[in-house]
Amino acid sequence: MKPATSAVEPRPKAGETEKMTINVGVVDLGQVDLLVQEGYYSNRSDLVRTALRNQLALHAEAVKQTVARRTLVVGLQHFTRVDLERAVAAGERLQVQVVGLARIADDVTPELARAAIESVTVLGAFQASTAVRKALSDRIR
């Protein structure tokens, strides 16, 4: 059984982003500020996002091969209460493996989540109610 999935847009909308903090040396920071001041980038974050996208594009083949080898879902994987009920009814235990965003619907109970989900591996963000996160805490890697 495969749960409903959909791809996330390459450039996330507001509210679909995660904050990442980096430490850089003062010389690098000064050069970033110079490029911003000269109009190459609108702000520091714009430069960092551009550099990040360039590095991801450079390593796209390695990411693609790893995703295929590890059978990961790339993008958004959303599990509804119905998805999980179907898995339980079929006697299946789901292994959630996502690069991007894994989301469990708010109406999923902790008991249903534990019955349906064997493991959770997310490289990116995992959204679920506090109760469901707690119920799956020993299965989140």
N, C-alpha and C. Protein backbone atom coordinates (compact mmCIF):
# COMPACT_ATOMS: atom_id res chain seq x y z
N MET A 1 0.83 -1.17 0.00
CA MET A 1 0.00 0.00 0.00
C MET A 1 0.87 1.24 0.00
N LYS A 2 0.60 2.17 -0.87
CA LYS A 2 1.36 3.40 -0.91
C LYS A 2 0.46 4.55 -0.49
N PRO A 3 0.90 5.36 0.50
CA PRO A 3 0.12 6.50 0.89
C PRO A 3 0.17 7.58 -0.17
N ALA A 4 -0.80 8.48 -0.12
CA ALA A 4 -0.85 9.58 -1.07
C ALA A 4 0.37 10.46 -0.89
N THR A 5 1.02 10.81 -1.98
CA THR A 5 2.18 11.68 -1.93
C THR A 5 2.04 12.74 -3.00
N SER A 6 2.71 13.84 -2.79
CA SER A 6 2.77 14.87 -3.82
C SER A 6 4.10 15.58 -3.70
N ALA A 7 4.58 16.12 -4.79
CA ALA A 7 5.88 16.77 -4.80
C ALA A 7 5.76 18.19 -4.25
N VAL A 8 6.78 18.60 -3.55
CA VAL A 8 6.86 19.96 -3.05
C VAL A 8 7.54 20.80 -4.11
N GLU A 9 7.07 22.04 -4.29
CA GLU A 9 7.68 22.93 -5.26
C GLU A 9 9.15 23.15 -4.92
N PRO A 10 10.03 23.31 -5.92
CA PRO A 10 11.44 23.51 -5.65
C PRO A 10 11.71 24.73 -4.76
N ARG A 11 10.95 25.79 -4.91
CA ARG A 11 11.11 26.97 -4.07
C ARG A 11 9.89 27.05 -3.16
N PRO A 12 10.06 26.67 -1.91
CA PRO A 12 8.92 26.60 -0.99
C PRO A 12 8.25 27.94 -0.78
N LYS A 13 6.95 27.89 -0.51
CA LYS A 13 6.19 29.08 -0.18
C LYS A 13 6.43 29.41 1.28
N ALA A 14 6.05 30.61 1.68
CA ALA A 14 6.19 31.01 3.08
C ALA A 14 5.48 29.99 3.96
N GLY A 15 6.10 29.64 5.06
CA GLY A 15 5.52 28.66 5.96
C GLY A 15 5.95 27.24 5.65
N GLU A 16 6.58 27.01 4.51
CA GLU A 16 7.06 25.69 4.12
C GLU A 16 8.58 25.63 4.14
N THR A 17 9.18 26.52 4.92
CA THR A 17 10.64 26.55 5.00
C THR A 17 11.06 26.25 6.43
N GLU A 18 12.29 25.86 6.58
CA GLU A 18 12.88 25.62 7.89
C GLU A 18 14.07 26.54 8.04
N LYS A 19 14.30 27.02 9.23
CA LYS A 19 15.44 27.89 9.50
C LYS A 19 16.69 27.04 9.72
N MET A 20 17.79 27.50 9.16
CA MET A 20 19.07 26.84 9.33
C MET A 20 20.07 27.92 9.72
N THR A 21 20.83 27.69 10.76
CA THR A 21 21.81 28.65 11.23
C THR A 21 23.20 28.17 10.84
N ILE A 22 24.01 29.10 10.32
CA ILE A 22 25.39 28.75 9.98
C ILE A 22 26.33 29.76 10.62
N ASN A 23 27.51 29.31 10.91
CA ASN A 23 28.57 30.18 11.41
C ASN A 23 29.60 30.34 10.30
N VAL A 24 29.98 31.58 10.03
CA VAL A 24 31.00 31.85 9.01
C VAL A 24 32.04 32.78 9.60
N GLY A 25 33.22 32.72 9.01
CA GLY A 25 34.29 33.61 9.45
C GLY A 25 34.00 35.05 9.08
N VAL A 26 34.66 35.97 9.77
CA VAL A 26 34.39 37.39 9.55
C VAL A 26 34.79 37.84 8.14
N VAL A 27 35.83 37.26 7.59
CA VAL A 27 36.24 37.64 6.24
C VAL A 27 35.19 37.18 5.23
N ASP A 28 34.71 35.93 5.37
CA ASP A 28 33.65 35.45 4.48
C ASP A 28 32.40 36.30 4.62
N LEU A 29 32.05 36.63 5.86
CA LEU A 29 30.86 37.45 6.09
C LEU A 29 31.02 38.83 5.45
N GLY A 30 32.21 39.38 5.56
CA GLY A 30 32.47 40.68 4.92
C GLY A 30 32.32 40.62 3.41
N GLN A 31 32.78 39.52 2.81
CA GLN A 31 32.65 39.37 1.36
C GLN A 31 31.18 39.20 0.98
N VAL A 32 30.43 38.48 1.80
CA VAL A 32 28.98 38.34 1.55
C VAL A 32 28.33 39.71 1.59
N ASP A 33 28.63 40.47 2.63
CA ASP A 33 28.05 41.81 2.76
C ASP A 33 28.44 42.71 1.59
N LEU A 34 29.66 42.57 1.11
CA LEU A 34 30.11 43.37 -0.04
C LEU A 34 29.28 43.03 -1.28
N LEU A 35 29.05 41.72 -1.52
CA LEU A 35 28.24 41.33 -2.68
C LEU A 35 26.80 41.81 -2.56
N VAL A 36 26.28 41.81 -1.35
CA VAL A 36 24.93 42.33 -1.12
C VAL A 36 24.92 43.83 -1.38
N GLN A 37 25.90 44.53 -0.83
CA GLN A 37 26.00 45.98 -1.00
C GLN A 37 26.12 46.37 -2.48
N GLU A 38 26.83 45.56 -3.24
CA GLU A 38 27.03 45.84 -4.66
C GLU A 38 25.84 45.40 -5.52
N GLY A 39 24.84 44.79 -4.91
CA GLY A 39 23.62 44.45 -5.64
C GLY A 39 23.60 43.08 -6.29
N TYR A 40 24.61 42.25 -6.04
CA TYR A 40 24.61 40.91 -6.62
C TYR A 40 23.52 40.04 -5.98
N TYR A 41 23.21 40.30 -4.72
CA TYR A 41 22.18 39.56 -3.98
C TYR A 41 21.36 40.57 -3.20
N SER A 42 20.10 40.24 -2.96
CA SER A 42 19.25 41.19 -2.24
C SER A 42 19.55 41.24 -0.75
N ASN A 43 20.06 40.14 -0.21
CA ASN A 43 20.43 40.09 1.21
C ASN A 43 21.30 38.86 1.44
N ARG A 44 21.77 38.67 2.66
CA ARG A 44 22.63 37.54 2.99
C ARG A 44 21.93 36.21 2.72
N SER A 45 20.67 36.12 3.10
CA SER A 45 19.92 34.87 2.91
C SER A 45 19.81 34.50 1.43
N ASP A 46 19.64 35.51 0.58
CA ASP A 46 19.55 35.26 -0.86
C ASP A 46 20.84 34.62 -1.37
N LEU A 47 22.00 35.12 -0.91
CA LEU A 47 23.28 34.53 -1.31
C LEU A 47 23.40 33.10 -0.81
N VAL A 48 23.04 32.87 0.45
CA VAL A 48 23.17 31.52 1.02
C VAL A 48 22.24 30.55 0.29
N ARG A 49 20.99 30.95 0.03
CA ARG A 49 20.07 30.07 -0.70
C ARG A 49 20.59 29.76 -2.10
N THR A 50 21.13 30.77 -2.77
CA THR A 50 21.68 30.57 -4.12
C THR A 50 22.86 29.61 -4.07
N ALA A 51 23.76 29.80 -3.11
CA ALA A 51 24.93 28.91 -2.98
C ALA A 51 24.47 27.49 -2.66
N LEU A 52 23.48 27.36 -1.80
CA LEU A 52 22.97 26.04 -1.44
C LEU A 52 22.37 25.34 -2.66
N ARG A 53 21.56 26.05 -3.42
CA ARG A 53 20.98 25.46 -4.64
C ARG A 53 22.06 25.05 -5.63
N ASN A 54 23.09 25.88 -5.77
CA ASN A 54 24.19 25.54 -6.69
C ASN A 54 24.90 24.27 -6.25
N GLN A 55 25.14 24.12 -4.96
CA GLN A 55 25.79 22.91 -4.45
C GLN A 55 24.90 21.69 -4.63
N LEU A 56 23.61 21.85 -4.38
CA LEU A 56 22.69 20.73 -4.58
C LEU A 56 22.62 20.33 -6.05
N ALA A 57 22.66 21.31 -6.95
CA ALA A 57 22.67 21.00 -8.38
C ALA A 57 23.96 20.28 -8.76
N LEU A 58 25.05 20.69 -8.17
CA LEU A 58 26.35 20.06 -8.44
C LEU A 58 26.34 18.60 -8.02
N HIS A 59 25.67 18.29 -6.93
CA HIS A 59 25.64 16.93 -6.39
C HIS A 59 24.32 16.21 -6.67
N ALA A 60 23.56 16.69 -7.63
CA ALA A 60 22.23 16.13 -7.92
C ALA A 60 22.28 14.64 -8.25
N GLU A 61 23.27 14.22 -8.98
CA GLU A 61 23.35 12.80 -9.37
C GLU A 61 23.59 11.92 -8.14
N ALA A 62 24.45 12.36 -7.24
CA ALA A 62 24.70 11.60 -6.02
C ALA A 62 23.43 11.50 -5.17
N VAL A 63 22.70 12.59 -5.07
CA VAL A 63 21.43 12.59 -4.33
C VAL A 63 20.45 11.62 -4.99
N LYS A 64 20.36 11.70 -6.31
CA LYS A 64 19.44 10.84 -7.06
C LYS A 64 19.76 9.36 -6.84
N GLN A 65 21.02 9.01 -6.90
CA GLN A 65 21.43 7.62 -6.69
C GLN A 65 21.16 7.15 -5.26
N THR A 66 21.41 8.01 -4.30
CA THR A 66 21.17 7.66 -2.90
C THR A 66 19.68 7.48 -2.63
N VAL A 67 18.87 8.36 -3.19
CA VAL A 67 17.42 8.25 -3.03
C VAL A 67 16.93 6.93 -3.60
N ALA A 68 17.41 6.56 -4.77
CA ALA A 68 16.99 5.30 -5.39
C ALA A 68 17.47 4.10 -4.57
N ARG A 69 18.71 4.14 -4.12
CA ARG A 69 19.27 3.03 -3.34
C ARG A 69 18.55 2.85 -2.02
N ARG A 70 18.21 3.94 -1.37
CA ARG A 70 17.58 3.86 -0.05
C ARG A 70 16.06 3.92 -0.11
N THR A 71 15.49 3.93 -1.30
CA THR A 71 14.04 4.01 -1.51
C THR A 71 13.39 5.10 -0.66
N LEU A 72 13.88 6.30 -0.84
CA LEU A 72 13.36 7.47 -0.14
C LEU A 72 12.34 8.20 -0.99
N VAL A 73 11.37 8.81 -0.35
CA VAL A 73 10.43 9.70 -1.03
C VAL A 73 11.03 11.09 -0.97
N VAL A 74 11.08 11.77 -2.10
CA VAL A 74 11.60 13.13 -2.13
C VAL A 74 10.44 14.09 -2.30
N GLY A 75 10.37 15.08 -1.42
CA GLY A 75 9.30 16.07 -1.48
C GLY A 75 8.44 15.98 -0.24
N LEU A 76 7.14 15.91 -0.46
CA LEU A 76 6.17 15.86 0.63
C LEU A 76 5.50 14.51 0.67
N GLN A 77 5.46 13.90 1.85
CA GLN A 77 4.68 12.68 2.03
C GLN A 77 3.73 12.95 3.18
N HIS A 78 2.44 12.94 2.85
CA HIS A 78 1.39 13.25 3.83
C HIS A 78 0.60 11.99 4.11
N PHE A 79 0.49 11.64 5.38
CA PHE A 79 -0.27 10.46 5.79
C PHE A 79 -1.57 10.91 6.44
N THR A 80 -2.69 10.47 5.89
CA THR A 80 -3.99 10.77 6.46
C THR A 80 -4.40 9.66 7.41
N ARG A 81 -5.44 9.90 8.16
CA ARG A 81 -5.97 8.86 9.05
C ARG A 81 -6.39 7.65 8.22
N VAL A 82 -7.02 7.89 7.06
CA VAL A 82 -7.46 6.81 6.18
C VAL A 82 -6.28 6.00 5.67
N ASP A 83 -5.18 6.66 5.29
CA ASP A 83 -3.97 5.96 4.83
C ASP A 83 -3.49 4.98 5.90
N LEU A 84 -3.43 5.45 7.13
CA LEU A 84 -2.91 4.61 8.21
C LEU A 84 -3.89 3.51 8.58
N GLU A 85 -5.18 3.79 8.54
CA GLU A 85 -6.18 2.76 8.81
C GLU A 85 -6.11 1.65 7.76
N ARG A 86 -5.89 2.03 6.51
CA ARG A 86 -5.75 1.03 5.43
C ARG A 86 -4.53 0.14 5.67
N ALA A 87 -3.43 0.75 6.07
CA ALA A 87 -2.22 -0.03 6.33
C ALA A 87 -2.47 -1.04 7.45
N VAL A 88 -3.09 -0.60 8.52
CA VAL A 88 -3.38 -1.50 9.65
C VAL A 88 -4.31 -2.61 9.20
N ALA A 89 -5.36 -2.27 8.44
CA ALA A 89 -6.33 -3.27 7.96
C ALA A 89 -5.65 -4.31 7.07
N ALA A 90 -4.63 -3.88 6.32
CA ALA A 90 -3.91 -4.79 5.43
C ALA A 90 -2.80 -5.54 6.15
N GLY A 91 -2.63 -5.25 7.43
CA GLY A 91 -1.57 -5.91 8.20
C GLY A 91 -0.19 -5.41 7.85
N GLU A 92 -0.11 -4.20 7.32
CA GLU A 92 1.18 -3.62 6.92
C GLU A 92 1.70 -2.67 7.99
N ARG A 93 3.01 -2.56 8.07
CA ARG A 93 3.67 -1.58 8.94
C ARG A 93 4.50 -0.69 8.02
N LEU A 94 4.27 0.60 8.07
CA LEU A 94 4.93 1.54 7.17
C LEU A 94 6.30 1.95 7.68
N GLN A 95 7.23 2.05 6.75
CA GLN A 95 8.54 2.60 7.02
C GLN A 95 8.59 3.94 6.30
N VAL A 96 8.44 5.00 7.04
CA VAL A 96 8.42 6.35 6.48
C VAL A 96 9.86 6.78 6.26
N GLN A 97 10.22 7.02 5.00
CA GLN A 97 11.58 7.45 4.64
C GLN A 97 11.47 8.60 3.66
N VAL A 98 11.73 9.81 4.14
CA VAL A 98 11.47 11.01 3.35
C VAL A 98 12.66 11.95 3.36
N VAL A 99 12.93 12.52 2.19
CA VAL A 99 13.84 13.66 2.06
C VAL A 99 12.94 14.83 1.72
N GLY A 100 12.73 15.70 2.67
CA GLY A 100 11.81 16.82 2.48
C GLY A 100 10.92 16.98 3.68
N LEU A 101 9.62 16.76 3.49
CA LEU A 101 8.65 16.94 4.57
C LEU A 101 7.76 15.72 4.69
N ALA A 102 7.73 15.14 5.88
CA ALA A 102 6.79 14.07 6.19
C ALA A 102 5.77 14.66 7.16
N ARG A 103 4.49 14.47 6.85
CA ARG A 103 3.45 15.07 7.66
C ARG A 103 2.39 14.02 7.98
N ILE A 104 1.97 13.99 9.24
CA ILE A 104 0.89 13.10 9.65
C ILE A 104 -0.29 13.98 10.05
N ALA A 105 -1.45 13.68 9.50
CA ALA A 105 -2.65 14.50 9.71
C ALA A 105 -2.97 14.65 11.19
N ASP A 106 -3.59 15.76 11.52
CA ASP A 106 -3.92 16.08 12.90
C ASP A 106 -4.94 15.14 13.53
N ASP A 107 -5.77 14.49 12.70
CA ASP A 107 -6.79 13.60 13.26
C ASP A 107 -6.29 12.17 13.51
N VAL A 108 -5.00 11.93 13.29
CA VAL A 108 -4.41 10.61 13.55
C VAL A 108 -4.13 10.50 15.05
N THR A 109 -4.63 9.44 15.65
CA THR A 109 -4.40 9.22 17.08
C THR A 109 -3.03 8.59 17.31
N PRO A 110 -2.48 8.76 18.50
CA PRO A 110 -1.19 8.13 18.81
C PRO A 110 -1.26 6.60 18.65
N GLU A 111 -2.39 6.01 19.03
CA GLU A 111 -2.54 4.56 18.92
C GLU A 111 -2.51 4.10 17.46
N LEU A 112 -3.20 4.83 16.60
CA LEU A 112 -3.21 4.48 15.18
C LEU A 112 -1.80 4.64 14.60
N ALA A 113 -1.13 5.71 14.95
CA ALA A 113 0.23 5.93 14.44
C ALA A 113 1.15 4.78 14.84
N ARG A 114 1.10 4.36 16.10
CA ARG A 114 1.96 3.25 16.57
C ARG A 114 1.60 1.94 15.87
N ALA A 115 0.32 1.74 15.61
CA ALA A 115 -0.11 0.49 14.96
C ALA A 115 0.33 0.44 13.49
N ALA A 116 0.38 1.60 12.85
CA ALA A 116 0.63 1.63 11.40
C ALA A 116 2.07 1.90 11.02
N ILE A 117 2.83 2.58 11.87
CA ILE A 117 4.16 3.06 11.49
C ILE A 117 5.24 2.31 12.26
N GLU A 118 6.09 1.64 11.50
CA GLU A 118 7.20 0.88 12.08
C GLU A 118 8.41 1.77 12.38
N SER A 119 8.70 2.69 11.45
CA SER A 119 9.86 3.57 11.63
C SER A 119 9.67 4.86 10.86
N VAL A 120 10.37 5.89 11.31
CA VAL A 120 10.33 7.21 10.66
C VAL A 120 11.75 7.70 10.50
N THR A 121 12.14 7.93 9.25
CA THR A 121 13.44 8.53 8.94
C THR A 121 13.17 9.71 8.02
N VAL A 122 13.44 10.90 8.51
CA VAL A 122 13.17 12.10 7.73
C VAL A 122 14.42 12.96 7.68
N LEU A 123 14.84 13.27 6.48
CA LEU A 123 15.92 14.23 6.26
C LEU A 123 15.21 15.50 5.79
N GLY A 124 14.99 16.40 6.70
CA GLY A 124 14.21 17.60 6.41
C GLY A 124 13.36 17.92 7.62
N ALA A 125 12.04 17.83 7.47
CA ALA A 125 11.14 18.18 8.57
C ALA A 125 10.05 17.12 8.73
N PHE A 126 9.67 16.90 9.98
CA PHE A 126 8.61 15.94 10.32
C PHE A 126 7.54 16.70 11.10
N GLN A 127 6.31 16.71 10.57
CA GLN A 127 5.21 17.40 11.22
C GLN A 127 4.16 16.40 11.66
N ALA A 128 3.86 16.43 12.95
CA ALA A 128 2.83 15.59 13.53
C ALA A 128 2.45 16.23 14.86
N SER A 129 1.28 15.86 15.36
CA SER A 129 0.87 16.40 16.65
C SER A 129 1.87 15.99 17.72
N THR A 130 1.88 16.72 18.80
CA THR A 130 2.78 16.41 19.91
C THR A 130 2.55 14.99 20.42
N ALA A 131 1.29 14.59 20.51
CA ALA A 131 0.95 13.25 21.01
C ALA A 131 1.47 12.17 20.07
N VAL A 132 1.32 12.37 18.77
CA VAL A 132 1.81 11.38 17.80
C VAL A 132 3.33 11.34 17.81
N ARG A 133 3.97 12.49 17.87
CA ARG A 133 5.45 12.51 17.93
C ARG A 133 5.93 11.74 19.16
N LYS A 134 5.26 11.95 20.29
CA LYS A 134 5.64 11.24 21.51
C LYS A 134 5.43 9.74 21.36
N ALA A 135 4.30 9.35 20.77
CA ALA A 135 4.00 7.92 20.58
C ALA A 135 5.01 7.25 19.66
N LEU A 136 5.56 7.99 18.71
CA LEU A 136 6.52 7.43 17.75
C LEU A 136 7.97 7.72 18.12
N SER A 137 8.20 8.33 19.26
CA SER A 137 9.55 8.79 19.61
C SER A 137 10.61 7.70 19.56
N ASP A 138 10.24 6.47 19.90
CA ASP A 138 11.22 5.38 19.86
C ASP A 138 11.42 4.83 18.45
N ARG A 139 10.66 5.35 17.48
CA ARG A 139 10.76 4.86 16.10
C ARG A 139 11.31 5.92 15.16
N ILE A 140 11.56 7.12 15.66
CA ILE A 140 12.08 8.20 14.84
C ILE A 140 13.60 8.13 14.88
N ARG A 141 14.19 8.05 13.67
CA ARG A 141 15.65 7.96 13.56
C ARG A 141 16.20 9.22 12.96
